[in-house]
Amino acid sequence: MPAFITGGNHDHALQGATHGRDGRQAVAFIIDPGDQAVAASANTAGGPVIHYPGAAVEDEPSRVTLELPGRPIKLTAEVGMDVTVGTFNLNNLFSRFNFRAEVSSVQPAENGEGLTGSYVFDDPEQVRLRTYKGKLVKGKDPEDQKSIAERILRMDLDVLAVQEVEDIDTLRFFAAQQLGHAYPNLTLIEGNDPRLIDLAVLSKLPIGAVTSWQHAAHPKLHTERVFSRDLLEVEILDPRDRDRRLLTIFNNHLKSQFVEPGHSPELGAAANDERRRLQAETIAHIVSARSRPDGRFLVLGDMNDTPDAPTLSALGHSSELSLTEGLSHPVETREPKADVPPPPPSGSWTHRFKESGQPAKYELFDQIWLSRNLVSRQKGAFIDRRTRHGGDGSDHDPAWVVLDL
């Protein structure tokens, strides 16, 4: 690799940095007049780009070694990289309804002015109808698809965990048509939800092993599956060395707070809360078994409750996991729309629910829980704020964190 160096002399010391590439940070260095060298990772390197004649750079996957001619210096620095990881409930990303059929015969119309034909949807090998509670599942509105796509492209994350996607074909089509192949690595496994909404991950970084925990059970439920959808475990690999796991994400979509019409609101809410509590306990058990205490992992997704809710105490109060919710003080991409009462001043909310005759509730349903190892590596937290009370393409706002790895 050519030894491109930025900077120059400052108080008789050579300062500069090699360029970061492939998502890596640049390597900053200072060499004083006594040929003593100090190095550190840096995000940026200011100043003009120059070539230092004769300098030798060994550019390895995770470190850079710099040697300057005529000076007894060999400087090695570990190279970090900033990784952005987020979560976004896409709110029913269903494909358009498509079918194919063969017209076996065409008959002239009775008035002689046209032709008539008929289609019969009775061959399961030729026709697939996706229904829920007797109704045809329709595609997401094109304008809403465009809106969520624009938000994803603006965020420009490295890894995005998403919820409420119909299937892998729908995800691939959306990524190709709406996102311009910005995310070459996609994964989705069909889960338990009868409404056909699944968990998925879009990534610019390589994806390793993917594990579905949709068959997991809780001791109180015996053999019944505990997850309404799934717990999707996805390894993200280091693009500098694909034999190295960069981090692991556990994508979730916990039990909704919705109570079916005709059911007791109190009993329905209590049953939903209990299922959500059992799901959180199962997540904590699985993550503890699959991860080292000092490992790099995130538990994220649509939790359908607040971080401090009793239903999620297995995540927030686990001494074994020592998780920290990373969105307590996020930066909002824009000011929230005015409301009475106003949204929380902390900006820590992703979901707004307005019941008729009641003030709106602003809650952080979409969460990013960081392992102990990642807490000290967090450099920022962000929420892409909606422009309409009802949401822009989704009733959830996407959120993400920046990690220095």
Protein backbone atom coordinates (compact mmCIF):
# COMPACT_ATOMS: atom_id res chain seq x y z
CA MET A 1 0.00 0.00 0.00
CA PRO A 2 1.41 3.47 -0.81
CA ALA A 3 2.41 5.44 2.29
CA PHE A 4 -0.07 8.25 2.07
CA ILE A 5 0.32 10.53 5.05
CA THR A 6 -1.58 13.64 6.09
CA GLY A 7 -0.16 16.54 8.04
CA GLY A 8 3.37 17.81 8.44
CA ASN A 9 5.76 19.41 10.93
CA HIS A 10 4.36 21.07 14.03
CA ASP A 11 6.70 22.41 16.72
CA HIS A 12 9.47 20.33 15.13
CA ALA A 13 7.39 17.17 15.44
CA LEU A 14 5.98 15.16 12.55
CA GLN A 15 2.24 14.66 12.85
CA GLY A 16 -0.12 12.86 10.55
CA ALA A 17 -2.22 9.84 9.85
CA THR A 18 -2.56 7.06 7.35
CA HIS A 19 -5.90 7.01 5.57
CA GLY A 20 -8.64 4.79 6.90
CA ARG A 21 -10.24 2.50 4.35
CA ASP A 22 -12.86 -0.25 4.22
CA GLY A 23 -14.69 1.40 7.09
CA ARG A 24 -11.59 1.52 9.30
CA GLN A 25 -10.42 4.47 11.29
CA ALA A 26 -7.29 6.30 10.21
CA VAL A 27 -4.12 5.76 12.27
CA ALA A 28 -2.90 8.96 13.86
CA PHE A 29 0.74 9.33 14.87
CA ILE A 30 3.10 11.90 16.36
CA ILE A 31 6.88 11.66 16.06
CA ASP A 32 8.83 14.14 18.18
CA PRO A 33 12.33 15.51 17.43
CA GLY A 34 13.88 12.84 19.66
CA ASP A 35 12.43 10.16 17.40
CA GLN A 36 10.01 9.07 20.08
CA ALA A 37 6.74 7.86 18.55
CA VAL A 38 3.24 7.79 19.93
CA ALA A 39 0.28 6.28 18.10
CA ALA A 40 -3.47 6.11 18.59
CA SER A 41 -6.59 5.36 16.61
CA ALA A 42 -8.41 8.38 15.24
CA ASN A 43 -11.63 8.94 13.33
CA THR A 44 -10.37 11.71 11.11
CA ALA A 45 -7.11 13.19 9.99
CA GLY A 46 -7.04 16.83 8.98
CA GLY A 47 -4.68 18.64 6.65
CA PRO A 48 -3.63 18.13 3.07
CA VAL A 49 -2.82 14.71 1.69
CA ILE A 50 0.88 14.32 0.89
CA HIS A 51 3.22 11.45 0.12
CA TYR A 52 6.16 11.01 2.45
CA PRO A 53 8.99 9.74 0.19
CA GLY A 54 10.35 6.37 1.15
CA ALA A 55 7.94 5.71 3.98
CA ALA A 56 6.95 2.06 4.33
CA VAL A 57 3.56 0.96 5.53
CA GLU A 58 2.58 -2.60 6.37
CA ASP A 59 -1.19 -2.60 6.03
CA GLU A 60 -2.61 -5.59 7.88
CA PRO A 61 -6.29 -6.28 8.56
CA SER A 62 -6.32 -4.86 12.08
CA ARG A 63 -3.09 -2.89 12.42
CA VAL A 64 -0.80 -0.56 10.50
CA THR A 65 2.98 -0.44 10.89
CA LEU A 66 4.80 2.71 9.76
CA GLU A 67 8.53 3.07 9.08
CA LEU A 68 10.18 6.35 8.04
CA PRO A 69 13.51 6.40 6.16
CA GLY A 70 16.52 7.75 7.99
CA ARG A 71 14.81 7.69 11.36
CA PRO A 72 14.94 4.81 13.85
CA ILE A 73 11.20 4.49 14.00
CA LYS A 74 8.90 1.56 13.57
CA LEU A 75 5.43 2.51 14.72
CA THR A 76 2.58 0.00 15.02
CA ALA A 77 -0.99 0.98 15.84
CA GLU A 78 -4.14 -1.05 16.18
CA VAL A 79 -6.75 0.03 13.64
CA GLY A 80 -10.30 0.46 14.85
CA MET A 81 -13.50 0.89 12.92
CA ASP A 82 -16.77 2.63 13.64
CA VAL A 83 -19.80 0.39 13.21
CA THR A 84 -23.39 1.65 13.18
CA VAL A 85 -26.12 -0.78 14.29
CA GLY A 86 -29.82 0.02 14.33
CA THR A 87 -33.37 -1.28 14.57
CA PHE A 88 -36.48 -0.38 12.56
CA ASN A 89 -40.00 -1.82 12.57
CA LEU A 90 -41.00 -1.53 8.90
CA ASN A 91 -44.73 -1.84 9.71
CA ASN A 92 -46.09 -4.59 7.47
CA LEU A 93 -43.62 -4.75 4.61
CA PHE A 94 -45.71 -7.07 2.45
CA SER A 95 -45.20 -7.67 -1.25
CA ARG A 96 -47.78 -6.86 -3.87
CA PHE A 97 -50.29 -9.64 -4.56
CA ASN A 98 -49.17 -11.47 -7.70
CA PHE A 99 -50.58 -14.49 -9.44
CA ARG A 100 -50.15 -16.44 -12.64
CA ALA A 101 -52.75 -18.52 -14.41
CA GLU A 102 -53.51 -20.13 -17.76
CA VAL A 103 -56.57 -19.08 -19.72
CA SER A 104 -57.88 -22.42 -21.03
CA SER A 105 -60.53 -20.93 -23.23
CA VAL A 106 -61.75 -17.56 -24.39
CA GLN A 107 -65.38 -17.15 -25.39
CA PRO A 108 -66.94 -14.35 -27.46
CA ALA A 109 -69.12 -12.04 -25.42
CA GLU A 110 -72.86 -12.37 -25.92
CA ASN A 111 -73.16 -8.98 -27.60
CA GLY A 112 -70.33 -9.83 -29.95
CA GLU A 113 -68.33 -6.76 -28.92
CA GLY A 114 -65.59 -8.46 -26.93
CA LEU A 115 -64.11 -11.55 -25.38
CA THR A 116 -64.60 -13.00 -21.92
CA GLY A 117 -62.32 -15.20 -19.88
CA SER A 118 -62.13 -16.56 -16.36
CA TYR A 119 -59.40 -17.34 -13.87
CA VAL A 120 -59.79 -20.14 -11.32
CA PHE A 121 -57.52 -20.05 -8.27
CA ASP A 122 -57.71 -23.73 -7.34
CA ASP A 123 -54.25 -25.12 -8.13
CA PRO A 124 -51.87 -24.73 -5.13
CA GLU A 125 -48.88 -25.36 -7.40
CA GLN A 126 -49.80 -22.41 -9.59
CA VAL A 127 -51.41 -19.96 -7.17
CA ARG A 128 -50.50 -18.88 -3.67
CA LEU A 129 -52.95 -16.75 -1.71
CA ARG A 130 -51.70 -15.21 1.52
CA THR A 131 -54.52 -14.46 3.92
CA TYR A 132 -54.93 -13.52 7.56
CA LYS A 133 -58.26 -14.02 9.35
CA GLY A 134 -59.96 -14.54 6.01
CA LYS A 135 -58.63 -11.37 4.41
CA LEU A 136 -56.17 -11.13 1.55
CA VAL A 137 -52.75 -9.85 2.62
CA LYS A 138 -52.05 -6.81 0.46
CA GLY A 139 -48.78 -5.13 -0.41
CA LYS A 140 -47.47 -2.15 1.57
CA ASP A 141 -48.48 1.15 0.03
CA PRO A 142 -45.82 2.26 -2.52
CA GLU A 143 -45.53 5.72 -0.94
CA ASP A 144 -44.97 4.17 2.48
CA GLN A 145 -42.36 1.83 0.99
CA LYS A 146 -40.62 4.83 -0.53
CA SER A 147 -40.74 6.65 2.80
CA ILE A 148 -39.14 3.87 4.84
CA ALA A 149 -36.55 3.34 2.10
CA GLU A 150 -35.59 7.02 2.19
CA ARG A 151 -35.17 6.83 5.95
CA ILE A 152 -32.97 3.73 5.70
CA LEU A 153 -30.79 5.34 3.05
CA ARG A 154 -30.43 8.54 5.06
CA MET A 155 -29.31 6.60 8.13
CA ASP A 156 -26.77 4.68 6.02
CA LEU A 157 -26.12 2.12 8.75
CA ASP A 158 -23.73 -0.80 8.60
CA VAL A 159 -26.21 -3.23 10.18
CA LEU A 160 -29.98 -2.81 10.44
CA ALA A 161 -32.25 -5.22 12.31
CA VAL A 162 -35.82 -4.98 11.02
CA GLN A 163 -39.21 -6.34 12.00
CA GLU A 164 -42.50 -7.02 10.18
CA VAL A 165 -41.25 -8.29 6.81
CA GLU A 166 -43.34 -10.82 4.89
CA ASP A 167 -40.60 -13.11 3.59
CA ILE A 168 -37.09 -13.20 2.13
CA ASP A 169 -38.29 -12.58 -1.42
CA THR A 170 -40.08 -9.43 -0.28
CA LEU A 171 -36.94 -8.29 1.53
CA ARG A 172 -34.72 -8.96 -1.49
CA PHE A 173 -37.07 -7.11 -3.83
CA PHE A 174 -37.27 -4.15 -1.45
CA ALA A 175 -33.50 -4.03 -1.02
CA ALA A 176 -32.95 -4.13 -4.77
CA GLN A 177 -35.71 -1.82 -5.96
CA GLN A 178 -35.94 0.68 -3.10
CA LEU A 179 -32.45 0.60 -1.58
CA GLY A 180 -30.42 0.22 -4.75
CA HIS A 181 -28.56 -2.86 -3.48
CA ALA A 182 -27.02 -0.76 -0.67
CA TYR A 183 -27.25 -3.84 1.56
CA PRO A 184 -25.70 -6.87 -0.15
CA ASN A 185 -26.12 -9.15 2.84
CA LEU A 186 -29.66 -10.08 3.90
CA THR A 187 -31.11 -12.75 6.13
CA LEU A 188 -34.66 -13.68 7.14
CA ILE A 189 -36.12 -16.87 8.58
CA GLU A 190 -39.88 -17.40 8.56
CA GLY A 191 -41.12 -17.39 12.14
CA ASN A 192 -44.24 -18.12 14.17
CA ASP A 193 -46.46 -15.12 13.47
CA PRO A 194 -49.77 -16.03 11.76
CA ARG A 195 -49.85 -12.50 10.35
CA LEU A 196 -46.72 -13.42 8.33
CA ILE A 197 -44.46 -10.74 9.84
CA ASP A 198 -40.89 -11.90 10.29
CA LEU A 199 -37.55 -10.67 11.62
CA ALA A 200 -34.67 -9.87 9.29
CA VAL A 201 -31.25 -8.23 9.12
CA LEU A 202 -29.79 -6.05 6.38
CA SER A 203 -26.02 -5.62 6.50
CA LYS A 204 -23.19 -3.99 4.58
CA LEU A 205 -20.80 -6.13 6.62
CA PRO A 206 -20.45 -9.87 6.09
CA ILE A 207 -22.95 -12.10 7.87
CA GLY A 208 -21.86 -15.32 9.54
CA ALA A 209 -24.00 -17.91 11.29
CA VAL A 210 -27.73 -17.23 11.61
CA THR A 211 -29.82 -19.00 14.25
CA SER A 212 -33.60 -18.98 14.69
CA TRP A 213 -34.94 -19.57 18.20
CA GLN A 214 -38.58 -19.75 17.13
CA HIS A 215 -38.99 -23.22 18.67
CA ALA A 216 -37.80 -22.12 22.12
CA ALA A 217 -40.10 -22.88 25.04
CA HIS A 218 -40.39 -21.46 28.55
CA PRO A 219 -40.73 -23.87 31.50
CA LYS A 220 -44.12 -22.37 32.38
CA LEU A 221 -45.41 -23.05 28.86
CA HIS A 222 -44.03 -26.60 28.63
CA THR A 223 -43.86 -27.46 24.91
CA GLU A 224 -45.63 -24.35 23.60
CA ARG A 225 -43.43 -21.95 21.63
CA VAL A 226 -42.80 -18.84 23.69
CA PHE A 227 -41.96 -16.38 20.90
CA SER A 228 -44.81 -14.80 18.99
CA ARG A 229 -42.41 -14.33 16.08
CA ASP A 230 -38.82 -15.36 16.75
CA LEU A 231 -35.52 -14.49 18.35
CA LEU A 232 -33.08 -14.15 15.45
CA GLU A 233 -29.40 -14.50 16.33
CA VAL A 234 -27.05 -13.15 13.65
CA GLU A 235 -23.24 -13.04 13.64
CA ILE A 236 -21.65 -10.00 11.97
CA LEU A 237 -18.16 -10.66 10.67
CA ASP A 238 -15.16 -8.37 10.47
CA PRO A 239 -14.72 -7.30 6.82
CA ARG A 240 -10.96 -7.14 7.43
CA ASP A 241 -10.85 -10.77 8.54
CA ARG A 242 -13.91 -12.92 7.91
CA ASP A 243 -12.67 -15.57 10.31
CA ARG A 244 -13.24 -13.04 13.11
CA ARG A 245 -16.68 -12.33 14.54
CA LEU A 246 -17.13 -8.60 15.02
CA LEU A 247 -20.31 -8.81 17.10
CA THR A 248 -23.58 -10.74 17.49
CA ILE A 249 -27.04 -9.26 17.37
CA PHE A 250 -30.20 -10.77 18.83
CA ASN A 251 -33.17 -9.34 16.91
CA ASN A 252 -36.58 -9.35 18.65
CA HIS A 253 -40.23 -8.50 18.20
CA LEU A 254 -42.01 -9.19 21.47
CA LYS A 255 -45.71 -9.69 22.13
CA SER A 256 -47.88 -6.75 21.07
CA GLN A 257 -50.01 -4.75 23.50
CA PHE A 258 -52.98 -5.03 21.13
CA VAL A 259 -56.13 -6.66 22.54
CA GLU A 260 -58.60 -8.14 20.07
CA PRO A 261 -62.04 -6.47 19.92
CA GLY A 262 -64.59 -8.33 22.00
CA HIS A 263 -62.02 -9.41 24.58
CA SER A 264 -61.68 -7.98 28.06
CA PRO A 265 -59.15 -5.10 27.88
CA GLU A 266 -57.87 -5.86 31.38
CA LEU A 267 -57.53 -9.63 30.92
CA GLY A 268 -56.11 -9.22 27.42
CA ALA A 269 -53.50 -6.71 28.58
CA ALA A 270 -52.52 -8.95 31.50
CA ALA A 271 -52.11 -11.96 29.19
CA ASN A 272 -49.99 -9.92 26.77
CA ASP A 273 -47.80 -8.65 29.59
CA GLU A 274 -47.28 -12.15 30.94
CA ARG A 275 -46.27 -13.48 27.51
CA ARG A 276 -43.87 -10.58 27.07
CA ARG A 277 -42.33 -11.30 30.48
CA LEU A 278 -41.80 -14.95 29.59
CA GLN A 279 -40.27 -13.95 26.28
CA ALA A 280 -37.81 -11.58 27.99
CA GLU A 281 -36.82 -14.31 30.44
CA THR A 282 -36.24 -16.73 27.56
CA ILE A 283 -34.13 -14.16 25.69
CA ALA A 284 -31.99 -13.61 28.79
CA HIS A 285 -31.52 -17.37 29.21
CA ILE A 286 -30.55 -17.91 25.55
CA VAL A 287 -28.21 -14.92 25.33
CA SER A 288 -26.48 -15.92 28.58
CA ALA A 289 -25.93 -19.44 27.26
CA ARG A 290 -24.70 -18.23 23.86
CA SER A 291 -22.45 -15.36 24.91
CA ARG A 292 -19.46 -14.72 27.13
CA PRO A 293 -19.88 -12.04 29.81
CA ASP A 294 -17.15 -10.00 28.11
CA GLY A 295 -18.48 -10.67 24.58
CA ARG A 296 -19.66 -8.16 22.00
CA PHE A 297 -23.40 -8.57 21.56
CA LEU A 298 -26.57 -6.49 21.31
CA VAL A 299 -30.16 -7.38 22.17
CA LEU A 300 -32.37 -5.12 20.09
CA GLY A 301 -35.67 -4.76 18.29
CA ASP A 302 -39.30 -3.88 18.94
CA MET A 303 -39.88 -4.84 22.58
CA ASN A 304 -43.46 -3.48 22.70
CA ASP A 305 -42.81 -2.11 26.17
CA THR A 306 -40.56 0.42 27.87
CA PRO A 307 -37.03 -0.46 29.07
CA ASP A 308 -38.02 -0.07 32.72
CA ALA A 309 -41.24 -2.09 32.42
CA PRO A 310 -41.55 -5.08 34.81
CA THR A 311 -42.10 -7.31 31.78
CA LEU A 312 -38.52 -6.59 30.61
CA SER A 313 -36.81 -6.85 33.99
CA ALA A 314 -35.04 -10.05 32.90
CA LEU A 315 -33.07 -7.92 30.44
CA GLY A 316 -32.57 -4.76 32.45
CA HIS A 317 -31.80 -6.37 35.82
CA SER A 318 -29.77 -9.43 34.85
CA SER A 319 -26.48 -9.43 36.78
CA GLU A 320 -25.21 -12.16 34.50
CA LEU A 321 -25.82 -10.21 31.28
CA SER A 322 -25.17 -6.69 32.65
CA LEU A 323 -26.99 -5.09 29.72
CA THR A 324 -27.29 -1.33 29.31
CA GLU A 325 -29.98 0.27 27.15
CA GLY A 326 -28.14 2.51 24.70
CA LEU A 327 -30.88 4.99 23.75
CA SER A 328 -31.42 6.87 27.01
CA HIS A 329 -30.03 10.15 25.63
CA PRO A 330 -30.24 9.99 21.84
CA VAL A 331 -29.65 12.70 19.27
CA GLU A 332 -32.82 13.34 17.25
CA THR A 333 -32.38 13.95 13.54
CA ARG A 334 -35.03 16.70 13.71
CA GLU A 335 -37.26 18.39 16.23
CA PRO A 336 -40.39 16.34 17.03
CA LYS A 337 -43.73 17.58 15.82
CA ALA A 338 -45.48 19.79 18.38
CA ASP A 339 -48.06 18.06 20.56
CA VAL A 340 -50.06 18.55 23.76
CA PRO A 341 -48.64 17.37 26.03
CA PRO A 342 -45.23 17.61 24.33
CA PRO A 343 -43.03 14.58 23.64
CA PRO A 344 -40.42 13.66 26.29
CA PRO A 345 -37.62 16.25 26.33
CA SER A 346 -35.02 13.46 26.49
CA GLY A 347 -36.01 12.40 22.95
CA SER A 348 -35.94 8.80 24.14
CA TRP A 349 -39.02 7.51 22.32
CA THR A 350 -39.71 5.68 19.07
CA HIS A 351 -43.43 4.94 19.26
CA ARG A 352 -46.47 7.20 19.63
CA PHE A 353 -49.93 5.89 20.47
CA LYS A 354 -53.00 8.12 20.61
CA GLU A 355 -56.20 6.63 22.01
CA SER A 356 -59.38 8.52 21.26
CA GLY A 357 -60.04 11.16 23.91
CA GLN A 358 -56.70 10.50 25.62
CA PRO A 359 -53.32 12.27 25.42
CA ALA A 360 -50.71 10.63 23.22
CA LYS A 361 -48.23 8.22 24.77
CA TYR A 362 -44.59 8.53 23.71
CA GLU A 363 -42.60 5.41 24.55
CA LEU A 364 -39.27 3.78 23.73
CA PHE A 365 -40.53 0.48 22.32
CA ASP A 366 -37.56 0.04 19.98
CA GLN A 367 -34.46 -0.61 22.07
CA ILE A 368 -30.78 -1.44 21.77
CA TRP A 369 -29.33 -3.23 24.79
CA LEU A 370 -25.52 -3.30 24.82
CA SER A 371 -23.28 -5.90 26.43
CA ARG A 372 -20.75 -4.79 29.02
CA ASN A 373 -17.99 -4.87 26.40
CA LEU A 374 -19.87 -2.54 24.05
CA VAL A 375 -21.01 0.05 26.60
CA SER A 376 -17.55 1.64 26.78
CA ARG A 377 -17.33 1.51 22.98
CA GLN A 378 -20.53 3.43 22.34
CA LYS A 379 -19.82 6.80 20.71
CA GLY A 380 -23.37 7.95 20.06
CA ALA A 381 -27.08 7.17 19.86
CA PHE A 382 -29.57 8.50 17.32
CA ILE A 383 -33.27 8.39 16.47
CA ASP A 384 -34.59 9.40 13.05
CA ARG A 385 -37.54 11.55 14.03
CA ARG A 386 -40.80 11.37 12.09
CA THR A 387 -42.38 14.42 10.45
CA ARG A 388 -46.00 13.32 11.06
CA HIS A 389 -47.66 12.23 14.28
CA GLY A 390 -48.77 8.97 12.67
CA GLY A 391 -45.28 8.22 11.42
CA ASP A 392 -43.41 8.34 8.11
CA GLY A 393 -44.04 5.00 6.41
CA SER A 394 -44.09 3.29 9.81
CA ASP A 395 -45.59 3.96 13.22
CA HIS A 396 -42.10 3.41 14.67
CA ASP A 397 -39.03 5.63 14.40
CA PRO A 398 -35.73 3.86 13.65
CA ALA A 399 -32.90 4.11 16.17
CA TRP A 400 -29.21 3.30 16.07
CA VAL A 401 -25.92 3.42 17.95
CA VAL A 402 -22.34 4.08 16.88
CA LEU A 403 -19.74 1.68 18.23
CA ASP A 404 -15.95 2.04 18.18
CA LEU A 405 -14.67 -1.46 17.43
